[in-house]
Amino acid sequence: LSPDEDGICSGRYFSESGLVGLLEQAAELLSTGGLYETVNEVYKIVIPILEAHRDFRKLTLTHSKLQKAFDSIINKVLLRQGTASKTYCWDNSVSFQGFYGQCFGEDAVEVIKDSAPVDKRKLDPNKAYIQITFVEPYFDEYEMKDRVTYFEKNFNLCRFMYTTPFTMDGRPRGELSEQYKRNTILTTMHAFPYIKTRINVIQKEEFILTPIEVAIEDMRKKTQELTAATNQEPPDAKMLQMVLQGSVGATVNQGPLEVAQVFLAEIPADPKLYRHHNKLRLCFKEFIMR
C-alpha cells in the first residue's frame, strides 16, 4: 500500500495478475485438501480474466487442472458409495477428556454423554463438565432441492440437529404410543468447514414431536434408506438385505408392523389427529411401493 497518495495501491497483489496468482494458489491448496468441488468455483473467477487477456496458454493449463478436479470428484463419488466418513462422538469424548484432564486434573473433568437438558444447579461447582452429543446437518425442505450431491450436503453448513427421546413420566424410552421426541436445531455463527474447528452457537430452537409424529419421521427415514439401497450404483446386495431386515423383519421390535398396529388400527375421531393418521398412511403407501 502507498499511504502517501490517497487511493493508490502499489502492492504486487493489487493487480489483475496478482489476483489471478492468489486464486491459482488457492485452487492448488483446495485440490491438495481434497475439496475438488471448490476448485471449480475458484476457476470460475479466473477463466473470464484469462479469456479477456486471450491467454490461451494459461487457459489450457486451467482447463486441464479442472479436468483433473472433475475426475477426482467422480472417483470420490464411487469411493464414497462404499464408505462414509464421520467423526464419532466417542473419538471426541476421549480427546476432550484427555485435553481438559491435563488442564484441570483427570478427576475434575466429567463428560455428559446424553443430549438431555442439564440442570446446572445439580452440577459440582468444582468440576468441569463437557456435554457431547451426535448432530447431523439440518436442512429445510426447500434447501434439499439444491443440496443433491454428497458435497452439497456436507459443505457450507451452519444448522445442525440432535434428537432427545423422552416419555411423559421421565424415562428416555417407552412404548410406541408413549414415545415423544425433542428435536433441537442449533445455528452456528459461521458455516462449516471454517478456519476454526469450533464455532459459537448463536441460535437454539426446540420442537417436540408427539408419538404419531415420531412414527411418521421414523417411517420416512426407513423409506429413504430403502430408496437409497435400491437405487445404489453399483448394487449392494448386503446393504439391501440389511435395510430390508430392519424394515420388514417380523422379529424387529417397534418396526413398521407394530407402528401400523398401534397408530393405524382405528381411525381417530379428533380432526387434528386424523391429519397425522392420514400422513402416516401415505408414508406406508410410499414405503410399500419402495
Foldseek 3Di string as FASTA:
>chain_A
DDPVDPPDDDDPLPDPVNVLVVLVVVLVVCVVVVVLVVSVVSVVVVVVVCVVVVVVVVVVVSVVVNVVSVVSVVVVQVVVLVDPDDDDQVVVVVVVLVVVCVVLNNVQEDEAEADDDDDVVPDDPSHHYHYTYDKAADDDPVVCVVQPDPCSRPFFTFKIKDKFWAFPVGHRDDALQGIKMKIKIWGFPGGPPDPDPDTHTDDIDIDMGHSLRVVLVVLLVLLVQCVCQVPDVPHDVVSNVVSCCQADPPPHPPHPVVSCVVQVPDQDPDPVSNVSNVSSVVSVVSSVVD
